[in-house]
N, C-alpha and C. Protein backbone atom coordinates (compact mmCIF):
# COMPACT_ATOMS: atom_id res chain seq x y z
N ASN A 1 118.86 77.15 118.40
CA ASN A 1 119.93 77.45 117.46
C ASN A 1 119.82 76.53 116.26
N THR A 2 119.63 77.12 115.10
CA THR A 2 119.44 76.37 113.86
C THR A 2 120.63 75.46 113.56
N LEU A 3 121.83 76.01 113.67
CA LEU A 3 123.01 75.24 113.33
C LEU A 3 123.17 74.03 114.24
N SER A 4 122.93 74.22 115.51
CA SER A 4 123.01 73.11 116.47
C SER A 4 122.00 72.02 116.11
N ARG A 5 120.78 72.42 115.77
CA ARG A 5 119.74 71.44 115.42
C ARG A 5 120.06 70.70 114.13
N SER A 6 120.87 71.31 113.28
CA SER A 6 121.21 70.66 112.00
C SER A 6 122.27 69.56 112.16
N MET A 7 122.93 69.55 113.32
CA MET A 7 123.97 68.55 113.55
C MET A 7 123.35 67.18 113.85
N LYS A 8 124.12 66.13 113.56
CA LYS A 8 123.67 64.77 113.88
C LYS A 8 123.64 64.58 115.40
N ASP A 9 122.81 63.67 115.85
CA ASP A 9 122.72 63.39 117.29
C ASP A 9 124.07 62.93 117.85
N SER A 10 124.86 62.24 117.02
CA SER A 10 126.16 61.75 117.47
C SER A 10 127.17 62.88 117.68
N GLU A 11 126.88 64.05 117.12
CA GLU A 11 127.79 65.20 117.25
C GLU A 11 127.40 66.05 118.46
N HIS A 12 127.20 65.37 119.59
CA HIS A 12 126.68 66.05 120.78
C HIS A 12 127.62 67.12 121.32
N GLN A 13 128.94 66.93 121.19
CA GLN A 13 129.87 67.95 121.69
C GLN A 13 129.75 69.24 120.88
N ARG A 14 129.62 69.07 119.57
CA ARG A 14 129.44 70.24 118.70
C ARG A 14 128.12 70.94 118.99
N LYS A 15 127.08 70.15 119.16
CA LYS A 15 125.77 70.72 119.47
C LYS A 15 125.83 71.51 120.78
N ALA A 16 126.50 70.94 121.78
CA ALA A 16 126.60 71.61 123.09
C ALA A 16 127.36 72.93 122.96
N LEU A 17 128.45 72.92 122.22
CA LEU A 17 129.25 74.14 122.06
C LEU A 17 128.47 75.20 121.29
N LEU A 18 127.78 74.80 120.23
CA LEU A 18 126.99 75.75 119.45
C LEU A 18 125.84 76.32 120.29
N ASN A 19 125.24 75.48 121.13
CA ASN A 19 124.18 75.95 122.02
C ASN A 19 124.72 76.96 123.04
N PHE A 20 125.93 76.69 123.54
CA PHE A 20 126.56 77.62 124.48
C PHE A 20 126.82 78.97 123.80
N MET A 21 127.33 78.90 122.56
CA MET A 21 127.60 80.13 121.82
C MET A 21 126.30 80.92 121.58
N ALA A 22 125.22 80.21 121.26
CA ALA A 22 123.92 80.87 121.05
C ALA A 22 123.43 81.52 122.34
N ALA A 23 123.64 80.83 123.45
CA ALA A 23 123.24 81.39 124.75
C ALA A 23 124.01 82.67 125.05
N MET A 24 125.30 82.68 124.73
CA MET A 24 126.10 83.90 124.91
C MET A 24 125.55 85.05 124.08
N GLU A 25 125.17 84.75 122.84
CA GLU A 25 124.61 85.79 121.96
C GLU A 25 123.33 86.37 122.55
N ASN A 26 122.44 85.47 123.00
CA ASN A 26 121.12 85.90 123.46
C ASN A 26 121.13 86.49 124.88
N ALA A 27 121.88 85.85 125.77
CA ALA A 27 121.80 86.25 127.18
C ALA A 27 122.82 87.33 127.55
N VAL A 28 123.99 87.29 126.96
CA VAL A 28 125.05 88.22 127.36
C VAL A 28 125.21 89.37 126.36
N HIS A 29 125.44 89.03 125.09
CA HIS A 29 125.72 90.07 124.10
C HIS A 29 124.54 91.02 123.92
N ALA A 30 123.35 90.46 123.74
CA ALA A 30 122.16 91.30 123.52
C ALA A 30 121.92 92.26 124.69
N LYS A 31 122.09 91.76 125.91
CA LYS A 31 121.90 92.62 127.09
C LYS A 31 122.99 93.69 127.16
N SER A 32 124.17 93.33 126.73
CA SER A 32 125.27 94.30 126.74
C SER A 32 125.00 95.45 125.77
N TYR A 33 124.45 95.13 124.58
CA TYR A 33 124.13 96.18 123.62
C TYR A 33 123.07 97.11 124.21
N SER A 34 122.06 96.52 124.85
CA SER A 34 121.00 97.32 125.47
C SER A 34 121.57 98.24 126.54
N SER A 35 122.51 97.70 127.31
CA SER A 35 123.13 98.48 128.38
C SER A 35 123.88 99.69 127.80
N ILE A 36 124.60 99.47 126.70
CA ILE A 36 125.33 100.56 126.06
C ILE A 36 124.36 101.62 125.56
N PHE A 37 123.31 101.18 124.86
CA PHE A 37 122.30 102.12 124.36
C PHE A 37 121.73 102.97 125.49
N MET A 38 121.30 102.30 126.56
CA MET A 38 120.61 103.00 127.65
C MET A 38 121.54 103.93 128.43
N THR A 39 122.84 103.65 128.39
CA THR A 39 123.80 104.50 129.10
C THR A 39 123.99 105.84 128.39
N TYR A 40 123.97 105.81 127.06
CA TYR A 40 124.30 107.01 126.30
C TYR A 40 123.12 107.73 125.66
N MET A 41 121.94 107.08 125.61
CA MET A 41 120.81 107.68 124.91
C MET A 41 119.51 107.52 125.68
N ASP A 42 118.60 108.45 125.44
CA ASP A 42 117.28 108.30 126.05
C ASP A 42 116.40 107.43 125.14
N SER A 43 115.23 107.07 125.65
CA SER A 43 114.33 106.15 124.93
C SER A 43 113.93 106.67 123.56
N LYS A 44 113.69 107.97 123.46
CA LYS A 44 113.27 108.56 122.18
C LYS A 44 114.35 108.38 121.13
N ARG A 45 115.61 108.63 121.52
CA ARG A 45 116.71 108.50 120.57
C ARG A 45 116.92 107.04 120.17
N ILE A 46 116.79 106.13 121.11
CA ILE A 46 116.93 104.70 120.81
C ILE A 46 115.87 104.27 119.81
N GLU A 47 114.63 104.73 120.00
CA GLU A 47 113.54 104.41 119.07
C GLU A 47 113.84 104.96 117.68
N GLU A 48 114.39 106.16 117.62
CA GLU A 48 114.75 106.76 116.32
C GLU A 48 115.80 105.93 115.60
N ILE A 49 116.77 105.40 116.36
CA ILE A 49 117.83 104.59 115.76
C ILE A 49 117.27 103.27 115.23
N PHE A 50 116.38 102.65 116.01
CA PHE A 50 115.75 101.41 115.54
C PHE A 50 114.93 101.66 114.28
N GLU A 51 114.22 102.79 114.26
CA GLU A 51 113.42 103.13 113.09
C GLU A 51 114.32 103.35 111.87
N TRP A 52 115.44 104.05 112.09
CA TRP A 52 116.40 104.25 111.00
C TRP A 52 116.88 102.90 110.47
N GLY A 53 117.25 101.99 111.38
CA GLY A 53 117.75 100.67 110.97
C GLY A 53 116.74 99.88 110.18
N GLU A 54 115.48 100.00 110.56
CA GLU A 54 114.42 99.26 109.87
C GLU A 54 114.15 99.80 108.47
N ASN A 55 114.59 101.02 108.21
CA ASN A 55 114.33 101.64 106.91
C ASN A 55 115.58 101.87 106.06
N ASP A 56 116.75 101.56 106.62
CA ASP A 56 117.99 101.80 105.88
C ASP A 56 118.20 100.72 104.82
N LYS A 57 118.37 101.13 103.56
CA LYS A 57 118.45 100.16 102.46
C LYS A 57 119.69 99.27 102.56
N TYR A 58 120.80 99.81 103.03
CA TYR A 58 122.01 99.00 103.13
C TYR A 58 121.90 97.97 104.24
N LEU A 59 121.48 98.43 105.41
CA LEU A 59 121.35 97.53 106.55
C LEU A 59 120.30 96.45 106.27
N GLN A 60 119.18 96.85 105.70
CA GLN A 60 118.12 95.88 105.40
C GLN A 60 118.54 94.92 104.30
N GLY A 61 119.37 95.39 103.37
CA GLY A 61 119.91 94.50 102.32
C GLY A 61 120.78 93.41 102.93
N ILE A 62 121.62 93.78 103.90
CA ILE A 62 122.47 92.82 104.60
C ILE A 62 121.61 91.83 105.38
N VAL A 63 120.62 92.36 106.11
CA VAL A 63 119.72 91.51 106.90
C VAL A 63 119.00 90.52 106.00
N GLU A 64 118.55 90.98 104.85
CA GLU A 64 117.80 90.11 103.91
C GLU A 64 118.66 88.94 103.44
N ILE A 65 119.90 89.22 103.09
CA ILE A 65 120.81 88.16 102.61
C ILE A 65 121.07 87.14 103.71
N ILE A 66 121.38 87.63 104.90
CA ILE A 66 121.70 86.74 106.01
C ILE A 66 120.47 85.90 106.40
N THR A 67 119.32 86.55 106.50
CA THR A 67 118.09 85.85 106.87
C THR A 67 117.75 84.77 105.84
N LYS A 68 117.92 85.09 104.57
CA LYS A 68 117.62 84.12 103.51
C LYS A 68 118.46 82.86 103.66
N ASN A 69 119.75 83.02 103.91
CA ASN A 69 120.63 81.86 104.05
C ASN A 69 120.36 81.09 105.35
N TYR A 70 119.99 81.81 106.38
CA TYR A 70 119.66 81.14 107.64
C TYR A 70 118.35 80.35 107.52
N LYS A 71 117.34 80.97 106.89
CA LYS A 71 116.04 80.30 106.74
C LYS A 71 116.15 79.08 105.84
N SER A 72 117.04 79.13 104.88
CA SER A 72 117.21 78.00 103.96
C SER A 72 117.56 76.73 104.73
N LEU A 73 118.46 76.83 105.70
CA LEU A 73 118.82 75.64 106.49
C LEU A 73 117.62 75.17 107.31
N GLU A 74 116.81 76.09 107.82
CA GLU A 74 115.59 75.71 108.54
C GLU A 74 114.69 74.83 107.66
N HIS A 75 114.55 75.23 106.40
CA HIS A 75 113.72 74.44 105.46
C HIS A 75 114.30 73.04 105.27
N PHE A 76 115.62 72.96 105.17
CA PHE A 76 116.26 71.65 104.97
C PHE A 76 116.13 70.77 106.21
N ILE A 77 116.25 71.37 107.38
CA ILE A 77 116.07 70.60 108.62
C ILE A 77 114.65 70.03 108.66
N TYR A 78 113.68 70.86 108.34
CA TYR A 78 112.29 70.42 108.35
C TYR A 78 112.07 69.30 107.34
N ALA A 79 112.61 69.50 106.12
CA ALA A 79 112.45 68.49 105.07
C ALA A 79 113.10 67.16 105.46
N LYS A 80 114.25 67.25 106.10
CA LYS A 80 114.95 66.02 106.51
C LYS A 80 114.19 65.30 107.62
N GLU A 81 113.65 66.05 108.57
CA GLU A 81 112.94 65.45 109.70
C GLU A 81 111.57 64.89 109.32
N PHE A 82 110.88 65.58 108.42
CA PHE A 82 109.50 65.22 108.14
C PHE A 82 109.26 64.75 106.70
N GLY A 83 110.34 64.54 105.96
CA GLY A 83 110.20 63.99 104.61
C GLY A 83 109.61 64.95 103.60
N GLY A 84 109.78 66.23 103.84
CA GLY A 84 109.26 67.22 102.90
C GLY A 84 110.13 67.36 101.67
N LEU A 85 109.62 68.10 100.69
CA LEU A 85 110.36 68.34 99.46
C LEU A 85 110.81 69.79 99.43
N ILE A 86 111.91 70.03 98.71
CA ILE A 86 112.37 71.40 98.49
C ILE A 86 112.48 71.57 96.98
N ASP A 87 111.78 72.58 96.47
CA ASP A 87 111.69 72.79 95.02
C ASP A 87 111.20 71.53 94.30
N GLY A 88 110.28 70.82 94.94
CA GLY A 88 109.67 69.63 94.35
C GLY A 88 110.53 68.39 94.34
N LYS A 89 111.70 68.46 94.99
CA LYS A 89 112.61 67.31 94.99
C LYS A 89 112.92 66.86 96.42
N GLU A 90 113.20 65.57 96.54
CA GLU A 90 113.63 65.04 97.84
C GLU A 90 115.00 65.59 98.18
N VAL A 91 115.24 65.78 99.45
CA VAL A 91 116.52 66.33 99.90
C VAL A 91 117.55 65.22 100.02
N THR A 92 118.68 65.40 99.33
CA THR A 92 119.77 64.43 99.44
C THR A 92 120.69 64.85 100.59
N GLU A 93 121.57 63.95 100.98
CA GLU A 93 122.54 64.27 102.04
C GLU A 93 123.45 65.41 101.59
N GLU A 94 123.81 65.41 100.29
CA GLU A 94 124.66 66.50 99.79
C GLU A 94 123.93 67.84 99.83
N ASP A 95 122.65 67.84 99.45
CA ASP A 95 121.85 69.08 99.51
C ASP A 95 121.86 69.64 100.93
N TYR A 96 121.69 68.73 101.88
CA TYR A 96 121.63 69.12 103.29
C TYR A 96 122.96 69.71 103.73
N LYS A 97 124.05 69.06 103.32
CA LYS A 97 125.39 69.53 103.69
C LYS A 97 125.67 70.91 103.07
N VAL A 98 125.21 71.10 101.83
CA VAL A 98 125.41 72.40 101.17
C VAL A 98 124.67 73.50 101.95
N ALA A 99 123.43 73.22 102.36
CA ALA A 99 122.66 74.21 103.13
C ALA A 99 123.35 74.52 104.46
N GLN A 100 123.88 73.48 105.10
CA GLN A 100 124.63 73.67 106.36
C GLN A 100 125.85 74.55 106.12
N TRP A 101 126.59 74.22 105.06
CA TRP A 101 127.82 74.95 104.74
C TRP A 101 127.52 76.42 104.45
N LYS A 102 126.47 76.68 103.68
CA LYS A 102 126.11 78.07 103.34
C LYS A 102 125.72 78.85 104.60
N PHE A 103 125.02 78.20 105.50
CA PHE A 103 124.67 78.83 106.78
C PHE A 103 125.95 79.20 107.52
N MET A 104 126.89 78.26 107.59
CA MET A 104 128.14 78.48 108.32
C MET A 104 128.98 79.60 107.72
N VAL A 105 129.05 79.64 106.39
CA VAL A 105 129.80 80.70 105.72
C VAL A 105 129.18 82.06 106.04
N THR A 106 127.86 82.13 105.93
CA THR A 106 127.15 83.38 106.24
C THR A 106 127.39 83.80 107.68
N SER A 107 127.30 82.85 108.59
CA SER A 107 127.52 83.13 110.01
C SER A 107 128.94 83.63 110.26
N THR A 108 129.91 83.02 109.60
CA THR A 108 131.30 83.42 109.78
C THR A 108 131.52 84.86 109.32
N PHE A 109 130.95 85.22 108.17
CA PHE A 109 131.06 86.60 107.69
C PHE A 109 130.39 87.57 108.67
N LEU A 110 129.22 87.18 109.16
CA LEU A 110 128.46 88.04 110.08
C LEU A 110 129.22 88.27 111.38
N GLU A 111 129.82 87.23 111.91
CA GLU A 111 130.42 87.32 113.25
C GLU A 111 131.88 87.77 113.23
N THR A 112 132.39 88.07 112.05
CA THR A 112 133.78 88.55 112.00
C THR A 112 133.80 89.98 111.46
N TYR A 113 133.96 90.15 110.16
CA TYR A 113 134.17 91.52 109.67
C TYR A 113 132.94 92.40 109.75
N LEU A 114 131.73 91.84 109.55
CA LEU A 114 130.53 92.67 109.66
C LEU A 114 130.35 93.18 111.09
N PHE A 115 130.64 92.33 112.04
CA PHE A 115 130.49 92.72 113.44
C PHE A 115 131.49 93.81 113.80
N TYR A 116 132.73 93.60 113.47
CA TYR A 116 133.78 94.55 113.87
C TYR A 116 133.51 95.94 113.31
N SER A 117 133.26 96.03 112.01
CA SER A 117 133.09 97.35 111.42
C SER A 117 131.83 98.03 111.92
N GLY A 118 130.84 97.24 112.33
CA GLY A 118 129.63 97.83 112.89
C GLY A 118 129.85 98.54 114.21
N PHE A 119 130.92 98.17 114.90
CA PHE A 119 131.21 98.79 116.20
C PHE A 119 132.49 99.65 116.15
N TYR A 120 132.83 100.07 114.94
CA TYR A 120 134.08 100.80 114.80
C TYR A 120 134.10 102.11 115.59
N TYR A 121 133.01 102.87 115.56
CA TYR A 121 133.01 104.21 116.18
C TYR A 121 133.28 104.18 117.68
N PRO A 122 132.55 103.36 118.46
CA PRO A 122 132.90 103.33 119.90
C PRO A 122 134.30 102.78 120.14
N LEU A 123 134.76 101.85 119.30
CA LEU A 123 136.12 101.33 119.47
C LEU A 123 137.17 102.40 119.12
N TYR A 124 136.83 103.26 118.17
CA TYR A 124 137.70 104.38 117.81
C TYR A 124 137.90 105.29 119.03
N PHE A 125 136.81 105.60 119.73
CA PHE A 125 136.92 106.42 120.93
C PHE A 125 137.62 105.69 122.06
N TYR A 126 137.35 104.39 122.16
CA TYR A 126 137.99 103.56 123.19
C TYR A 126 139.51 103.61 123.05
N GLY A 127 139.99 103.60 121.82
CA GLY A 127 141.43 103.68 121.56
C GLY A 127 142.03 105.01 121.96
N GLN A 128 141.17 106.02 122.14
CA GLN A 128 141.62 107.36 122.56
C GLN A 128 141.36 107.60 124.05
N GLY A 129 140.97 106.54 124.76
CA GLY A 129 140.72 106.68 126.18
C GLY A 129 139.37 107.29 126.53
N LYS A 130 138.42 107.23 125.58
CA LYS A 130 137.07 107.76 125.81
C LYS A 130 136.07 106.60 125.69
N LEU A 131 134.86 106.80 126.21
CA LEU A 131 133.82 105.75 126.19
C LEU A 131 134.40 104.40 126.66
N MET A 132 135.15 104.46 127.74
CA MET A 132 135.90 103.28 128.18
C MET A 132 135.01 102.09 128.54
N GLN A 133 133.90 102.34 129.22
CA GLN A 133 133.05 101.21 129.62
C GLN A 133 132.42 100.54 128.41
N ALA A 134 131.88 101.34 127.49
CA ALA A 134 131.29 100.79 126.27
C ALA A 134 132.35 100.05 125.46
N GLY A 135 133.53 100.66 125.33
CA GLY A 135 134.62 100.03 124.58
C GLY A 135 135.06 98.71 125.17
N GLU A 136 135.09 98.65 126.48
CA GLU A 136 135.50 97.41 127.15
C GLU A 136 134.47 96.30 126.92
N ILE A 137 133.20 96.67 127.00
CA ILE A 137 132.13 95.68 126.75
C ILE A 137 132.25 95.15 125.32
N ILE A 138 132.39 96.06 124.36
CA ILE A 138 132.49 95.65 122.96
C ILE A 138 133.74 94.81 122.73
N ASN A 139 134.84 95.18 123.38
CA ASN A 139 136.07 94.41 123.27
C ASN A 139 135.88 92.96 123.73
N LEU A 140 135.17 92.80 124.84
CA LEU A 140 134.91 91.46 125.37
C LEU A 140 134.00 90.67 124.42
N ILE A 141 133.00 91.35 123.87
CA ILE A 141 132.12 90.68 122.91
C ILE A 141 132.90 90.30 121.65
N LEU A 142 133.77 91.19 121.21
CA LEU A 142 134.61 90.89 120.04
C LEU A 142 135.42 89.62 120.24
N ARG A 143 135.92 89.44 121.44
CA ARG A 143 136.70 88.24 121.76
C ARG A 143 135.84 86.99 121.58
N ASP A 144 134.60 87.05 122.09
CA ASP A 144 133.67 85.93 121.90
C ASP A 144 133.38 85.69 120.43
N GLU A 145 133.11 86.78 119.71
CA GLU A 145 132.75 86.66 118.30
C GLU A 145 133.89 86.06 117.47
N GLN A 146 135.12 86.38 117.84
CA GLN A 146 136.26 85.79 117.14
C GLN A 146 136.26 84.28 117.30
N VAL A 147 135.97 83.82 118.51
CA VAL A 147 135.91 82.37 118.76
C VAL A 147 134.75 81.76 117.98
N HIS A 148 133.59 82.42 118.00
CA HIS A 148 132.43 81.91 117.28
C HIS A 148 132.73 81.81 115.78
N GLY A 149 133.28 82.89 115.22
CA GLY A 149 133.61 82.90 113.79
C GLY A 149 134.63 81.84 113.44
N LEU A 150 135.65 81.70 114.28
CA LEU A 150 136.70 80.71 114.04
C LEU A 150 136.14 79.28 114.08
N TYR A 151 135.31 79.00 115.09
CA TYR A 151 134.78 77.64 115.25
C TYR A 151 133.82 77.28 114.12
N VAL A 152 132.89 78.17 113.82
CA VAL A 152 131.93 77.89 112.75
C VAL A 152 132.65 77.83 111.40
N GLY A 153 133.65 78.69 111.21
CA GLY A 153 134.45 78.64 109.98
C GLY A 153 135.19 77.32 109.84
N MET A 154 135.69 76.81 110.95
CA MET A 154 136.37 75.50 110.94
C MET A 154 135.39 74.39 110.55
N LEU A 155 134.17 74.43 111.10
CA LEU A 155 133.16 73.43 110.74
C LEU A 155 132.82 73.52 109.25
N ALA A 156 132.74 74.74 108.73
CA ALA A 156 132.46 74.93 107.31
C ALA A 156 133.57 74.33 106.45
N GLN A 157 134.82 74.53 106.86
CA GLN A 157 135.95 73.96 106.10
C GLN A 157 135.92 72.44 106.08
N GLU A 158 135.53 71.85 107.20
CA GLU A 158 135.42 70.39 107.26
C GLU A 158 134.41 69.87 106.26
N ILE A 159 133.23 70.51 106.22
CA ILE A 159 132.20 70.09 105.28
C ILE A 159 132.69 70.30 103.84
N TYR A 160 133.31 71.43 103.59
CA TYR A 160 133.80 71.77 102.24
C TYR A 160 134.74 70.69 101.72
N GLN A 161 135.58 70.16 102.58
CA GLN A 161 136.55 69.13 102.16
C GLN A 161 135.88 67.83 101.76
N GLU A 162 134.64 67.62 102.17
CA GLU A 162 133.92 66.38 101.83
C GLU A 162 133.39 66.38 100.40
N PHE A 163 133.30 67.56 99.78
CA PHE A 163 132.72 67.64 98.44
C PHE A 163 133.76 67.33 97.36
N GLU A 164 133.25 66.89 96.21
CA GLU A 164 134.10 66.69 95.03
C GLU A 164 134.63 68.04 94.56
N LEU A 165 135.72 68.02 93.82
CA LEU A 165 136.39 69.24 93.38
C LEU A 165 135.45 70.16 92.60
N GLU A 166 134.64 69.59 91.72
CA GLU A 166 133.73 70.41 90.92
C GLU A 166 132.71 71.13 91.81
N LYS A 167 132.21 70.42 92.80
CA LYS A 167 131.27 71.02 93.74
C LYS A 167 131.96 72.10 94.57
N GLN A 168 133.20 71.86 94.96
CA GLN A 168 133.96 72.85 95.72
C GLN A 168 134.09 74.15 94.92
N GLU A 169 134.35 74.02 93.64
CA GLU A 169 134.51 75.21 92.79
C GLU A 169 133.20 76.00 92.72
N THR A 170 132.08 75.28 92.59
CA THR A 170 130.76 75.93 92.56
C THR A 170 130.49 76.66 93.88
N LEU A 171 130.79 75.99 94.98
CA LEU A 171 130.55 76.58 96.30
C LEU A 171 131.48 77.76 96.56
N ALA A 172 132.72 77.64 96.14
CA ALA A 172 133.66 78.76 96.32
C ALA A 172 133.17 79.99 95.57
N LYS A 173 132.64 79.76 94.36
CA LYS A 173 132.10 80.88 93.57
C LYS A 173 130.92 81.51 94.31
N TRP A 174 130.04 80.67 94.88
CA TRP A 174 128.91 81.18 95.66
C TRP A 174 129.40 82.01 96.85
N MET A 175 130.43 81.51 97.54
CA MET A 175 130.95 82.19 98.72
C MET A 175 131.51 83.57 98.37
N TYR A 176 132.29 83.65 97.28
CA TYR A 176 132.87 84.94 96.90
C TYR A 176 131.80 85.92 96.40
N ASN A 177 130.76 85.39 95.75
CA ASN A 177 129.64 86.24 95.35
C ASN A 177 128.93 86.81 96.58
N LEU A 178 128.73 85.93 97.59
CA LEU A 178 128.11 86.38 98.84
C LEU A 178 128.96 87.45 99.51
N LEU A 179 130.26 87.20 99.58
CA LEU A 179 131.18 88.16 100.20
C LEU A 179 131.12 89.50 99.47
N ASN A 180 131.07 89.45 98.14
CA ASN A 180 131.02 90.69 97.36
C ASN A 180 129.71 91.43 97.57
N GLU A 181 128.59 90.69 97.60
CA GLU A 181 127.28 91.32 97.86
C GLU A 181 127.29 92.03 99.21
N LEU A 182 127.77 91.32 100.23
CA LEU A 182 127.82 91.91 101.57
C LEU A 182 128.78 93.09 101.60
N TYR A 183 129.90 92.98 100.90
CA TYR A 183 130.89 94.06 100.87
C TYR A 183 130.30 95.34 100.27
N VAL A 184 129.60 95.19 99.14
CA VAL A 184 129.03 96.36 98.47
C VAL A 184 128.01 97.05 99.38
N LEU A 185 127.12 96.25 100.00
CA LEU A 185 126.13 96.82 100.91
C LEU A 185 126.79 97.45 102.13
N HIS A 186 127.79 96.75 102.66
CA HIS A 186 128.45 97.25 103.87
C HIS A 186 129.25 98.50 103.59
N LYS A 187 129.83 98.57 102.41
CA LYS A 187 130.56 99.77 102.00
C LYS A 187 129.61 100.97 101.97
N GLY A 188 128.42 100.76 101.40
CA GLY A 188 127.42 101.83 101.39
C GLY A 188 127.02 102.24 102.78
N LEU A 189 126.84 101.26 103.66
CA LEU A 189 126.46 101.54 105.05
C LEU A 189 127.56 102.32 105.76
N ILE A 190 128.80 101.91 105.58
CA ILE A 190 129.92 102.58 106.23
C ILE A 190 130.03 104.03 105.76
N GLU A 191 129.88 104.25 104.45
CA GLU A 191 129.94 105.62 103.92
C GLU A 191 128.82 106.47 104.51
N GLU A 192 127.63 105.88 104.62
CA GLU A 192 126.48 106.56 105.17
C GLU A 192 126.71 106.97 106.64
N LEU A 193 127.36 106.08 107.39
CA LEU A 193 127.58 106.32 108.82
C LEU A 193 128.80 107.21 109.08
N TYR A 194 129.88 106.98 108.34
CA TYR A 194 131.16 107.58 108.73
C TYR A 194 131.64 108.75 107.87
N ASN A 195 130.99 108.99 106.72
CA ASN A 195 131.41 110.15 105.91
C ASN A 195 131.30 111.45 106.71
N GLU A 196 130.23 111.56 107.47
CA GLU A 196 129.96 112.80 108.23
C GLU A 196 131.04 113.10 109.25
N VAL A 197 131.66 112.04 109.79
CA VAL A 197 132.71 112.27 110.79
C VAL A 197 134.11 111.99 110.22
N ASP A 198 134.17 111.87 108.89
CA ASP A 198 135.44 111.71 108.17
C ASP A 198 136.24 110.49 108.62
N LEU A 199 135.55 109.37 108.84
CA LEU A 199 136.23 108.15 109.27
C LEU A 199 136.00 106.96 108.32
N THR A 200 135.38 107.23 107.18
CA THR A 200 135.08 106.14 106.23
C THR A 200 136.37 105.44 105.81
N HIS A 201 137.40 106.19 105.50
CA HIS A 201 138.65 105.58 105.04
C HIS A 201 139.25 104.68 106.14
N ASP A 202 139.24 105.18 107.38
CA ASP A 202 139.75 104.37 108.50
C ASP A 202 139.00 103.06 108.59
């Protein structure tokens, strides 16, 4: 887990909690998604959906933004550990904190509103007493994701408070730009998915 590795050694409780959250994502959530897929679709249809996802401009746009912000912290961790340069300059403590904060903001957006709207259709049926097993699994994962988003968001707020006011204003502008970029892409994705079943407005 990148975020856990970015923490100081003295922050062992935070590292442990972040590692636990990562384990839940990899061991429980990922297997649950696979279980849902395999329950309702055959292998051919699952492959078609993966192929669609790999070629969808909205989904890939979201993935690109998130991956970029996640990889950025990886570069900073490496530079801090091995004395490397980023953009030809030595990494300062503030640079490192900014990269951490941006990772956390991105993660919070991913694990809250992006996650929920991505699972809207099965939850819509779940609310009508249909697809109950899939809905229950997603509901349980949603509960975990809320905790993950809340905790990482809290860590981001702590870091944000350490910056000078001018830096906070710059970072806030970056955050709202990120939110808007994700919103525009996600809006396109939602229209693409839900227009056909007349649920985009919902």
